Amino acid sequence: MQISTKFTIAIHILAATEIFGDQYKITSDFLASSVGCNPVIIRNLMRQLKGAGLIAVRRGPGGVRVTKPLEQITFYDVYEAVETNKEELFNFHDRPNPQCPVGRNIHKALDGQLREIQKQFEADLRQHNVGEVVTDLKKEIAG
C-alpha cells in the first residue's frame, strides 16, 4: 500500500496558501519554493485541486485561494482530488498458481479483508481535516 507524494504536497499547497495568502501572492512558483519541487508539479496538483473545487486560481494579480474553510476540507477530499490509483488500495499479485491450494483460494480468503481495510482507511481520512494541519503548523512556527 502506498499513497503518492501528491497527497502530502496537496495538503502542503492548501496549508501554505492559508498561512501566506494575506502576505504574498500565492503562485505555483511560490508554492514550489515552499514544497521544494518543480512548479510544473504544483500546477498539475493545483489543476486537480481546482477541479475538485478546493481552490480557485485567478490569473494575473490574483493568485490562488482556498474556496472553503480548511476545517471543511478533509484528508479524504484531498485524497479524492489528487490520487489517481485509489480504486484498490492494495495491489494483488497477478497470477497465483491455480494448481496450488493457497494460490487457487488466496483471493477468496483475502479480498474481503482488504476491502474492509480500505473502507476503514477512507473513513479515517474523513476524520481529519486540513485545518488541523494549519493549527499545528502555526504552533510549530510560533515555536
Protein backbone atom coordinates (compact mmCIF):
# COMPACT_ATOMS: atom_id res chain seq x y z
CA MET A 1 0.00 0.00 0.00
CA GLN A 2 1.34 3.37 -0.92
CA ILE A 3 -0.10 6.83 -1.21
CA SER A 4 1.91 9.02 -3.55
CA THR A 5 3.59 12.25 -2.54
CA LYS A 6 0.81 14.09 -4.39
CA PHE A 7 -1.37 13.74 -1.29
CA THR A 8 1.08 15.41 1.11
CA ILE A 9 2.10 18.03 -1.46
CA ALA A 10 -1.57 18.93 -1.98
CA ILE A 11 -2.03 19.39 1.78
CA HIS A 12 1.17 21.49 1.79
CA ILE A 13 -0.32 23.65 -1.01
CA LEU A 14 -3.53 24.22 0.94
CA ALA A 15 -1.71 24.96 4.20
CA ALA A 16 0.80 27.36 2.61
CA THR A 17 -2.00 29.14 0.76
CA GLU A 18 -3.81 29.67 4.05
CA ILE A 19 -0.75 30.75 6.03
CA PHE A 20 0.82 33.04 3.41
CA GLY A 21 -2.28 34.19 1.49
CA ASP A 22 -2.64 37.50 3.31
CA GLN A 23 1.03 38.43 2.86
CA TYR A 24 2.01 37.13 -0.58
CA LYS A 25 0.58 36.40 -3.98
CA ILE A 26 0.31 32.62 -4.00
CA THR A 27 1.61 31.25 -7.30
CA SER A 28 2.91 27.90 -8.46
CA ASP A 29 6.46 29.28 -8.23
CA PHE A 30 5.88 30.49 -4.67
CA LEU A 31 4.40 27.13 -3.64
CA ALA A 32 7.14 25.17 -5.42
CA SER A 33 9.74 27.04 -3.39
CA SER A 34 7.93 26.06 -0.19
CA VAL A 35 7.45 22.42 -1.21
CA GLY A 36 10.89 22.09 -2.77
CA CYS A 37 9.78 20.77 -6.14
CA ASN A 38 9.27 21.82 -9.74
CA PRO A 39 6.46 24.36 -10.36
CA VAL A 40 5.02 22.05 -13.04
CA ILE A 41 4.20 19.51 -10.31
CA ILE A 42 2.47 22.24 -8.33
CA ARG A 43 0.49 23.41 -11.38
CA ASN A 44 -0.69 19.86 -12.07
CA LEU A 45 -1.83 19.43 -8.47
CA MET A 46 -3.44 22.87 -8.48
CA ARG A 47 -5.43 21.82 -11.55
CA GLN A 48 -6.68 18.75 -9.67
CA LEU A 49 -7.48 20.74 -6.51
CA LYS A 50 -9.31 23.32 -8.62
CA GLY A 51 -11.24 20.56 -10.40
CA ALA A 52 -12.34 19.26 -7.00
CA GLY A 53 -13.50 22.75 -6.01
CA LEU A 54 -10.93 23.09 -3.21
CA ILE A 55 -9.07 26.09 -4.64
CA ALA A 56 -9.70 28.92 -7.06
CA VAL A 57 -6.94 30.22 -9.32
CA ARG A 58 -7.14 33.80 -10.50
CA ARG A 59 -4.95 34.83 -13.40
CA GLY A 60 -2.80 37.93 -13.30
CA PRO A 61 -2.56 39.61 -9.90
CA GLY A 62 -4.96 37.17 -8.20
CA GLY A 63 -3.07 34.02 -7.34
CA VAL A 64 -4.52 31.02 -5.51
CA ARG A 65 -7.09 30.97 -2.73
CA VAL A 66 -8.81 28.18 -0.83
CA THR A 67 -12.54 28.08 -1.59
CA LYS A 68 -13.88 27.00 1.80
CA PRO A 69 -12.76 26.85 5.42
CA LEU A 70 -9.93 24.36 5.87
CA GLU A 71 -11.86 22.67 8.68
CA GLN A 72 -14.33 21.59 5.98
CA ILE A 73 -11.65 20.06 3.74
CA THR A 74 -10.99 16.53 4.92
CA PHE A 75 -7.94 14.46 4.12
CA TYR A 76 -10.34 12.27 2.14
CA ASP A 77 -11.33 15.28 -0.02
CA VAL A 78 -7.65 15.86 -0.82
CA TYR A 79 -7.05 12.14 -1.41
CA GLU A 80 -10.01 12.01 -3.80
CA ALA A 81 -8.80 15.11 -5.64
CA VAL A 82 -5.20 14.09 -6.32
CA GLU A 83 -4.74 10.33 -6.06
CA THR A 84 -5.37 8.58 -9.34
CA ASN A 85 -4.85 4.94 -8.26
CA LYS A 86 -7.35 4.72 -5.43
CA GLU A 87 -9.88 2.18 -6.65
CA GLU A 88 -7.98 -0.55 -4.87
CA LEU A 89 -5.55 0.44 -2.19
CA PHE A 90 -3.83 -2.94 -2.29
CA ASN A 91 -2.37 -4.33 -5.48
CA PHE A 92 -2.78 -8.07 -5.71
CA HIS A 93 -0.15 -10.23 -7.40
CA ASP A 94 -1.28 -11.11 -10.90
CA ARG A 95 -1.16 -14.86 -11.31
CA PRO A 96 -1.41 -17.00 -8.20
CA ASN A 97 -0.89 -20.63 -9.18
CA PRO A 98 -4.31 -22.28 -9.69
CA GLN A 99 -2.70 -25.69 -9.12
CA CYS A 100 -1.70 -24.68 -5.58
CA PRO A 101 -4.46 -24.77 -2.95
CA VAL A 102 -3.25 -21.45 -1.50
CA GLY A 103 -2.84 -19.83 -4.92
CA ARG A 104 -6.27 -21.07 -6.02
CA ASN A 105 -8.02 -19.65 -2.94
CA ILE A 106 -5.99 -16.65 -1.83
CA HIS A 107 -8.35 -14.13 -3.43
CA LYS A 108 -11.40 -15.62 -1.72
CA ALA A 109 -9.64 -15.59 1.63
CA LEU A 110 -8.03 -12.15 1.42
CA ASP A 111 -10.07 -9.87 -0.85
CA GLY A 112 -12.87 -9.19 1.65
CA GLN A 113 -10.44 -8.29 4.40
CA LEU A 114 -8.54 -5.92 2.12
CA ARG A 115 -11.80 -4.21 1.09
CA GLU A 116 -12.65 -3.70 4.77
CA ILE A 117 -9.19 -2.27 5.48
CA GLN A 118 -9.56 0.15 2.58
CA LYS A 119 -13.00 1.25 3.84
CA GLN A 120 -11.52 1.88 7.29
CA PHE A 121 -8.61 3.80 5.80
CA GLU A 122 -11.00 6.03 3.86
CA ALA A 123 -13.15 6.53 6.98
CA ASP A 124 -10.02 7.52 8.92
CA LEU A 125 -9.12 10.08 6.22
CA ARG A 126 -12.57 11.62 6.68
CA GLN A 127 -11.84 12.15 10.40
CA HIS A 128 -9.00 14.61 9.78
CA ASN A 129 -9.02 17.97 8.06
CA VAL A 130 -6.54 20.45 6.68
CA GLY A 131 -7.50 22.97 9.36
CA GLU A 132 -5.90 20.69 11.95
CA VAL A 133 -2.66 20.78 9.98
CA VAL A 134 -2.68 24.57 9.80
CA THR A 135 -3.36 24.82 13.54
CA ASP A 136 -0.38 22.55 14.24
CA LEU A 137 1.79 24.45 11.75
CA LYS A 138 1.02 27.78 13.42
CA LYS A 139 2.04 26.30 16.78
CA GLU A 140 5.29 25.00 15.30
CA ILE A 141 6.04 28.30 13.55
CA ALA A 142 5.39 30.25 16.77
CA GLY A 143 7.89 27.97 18.44
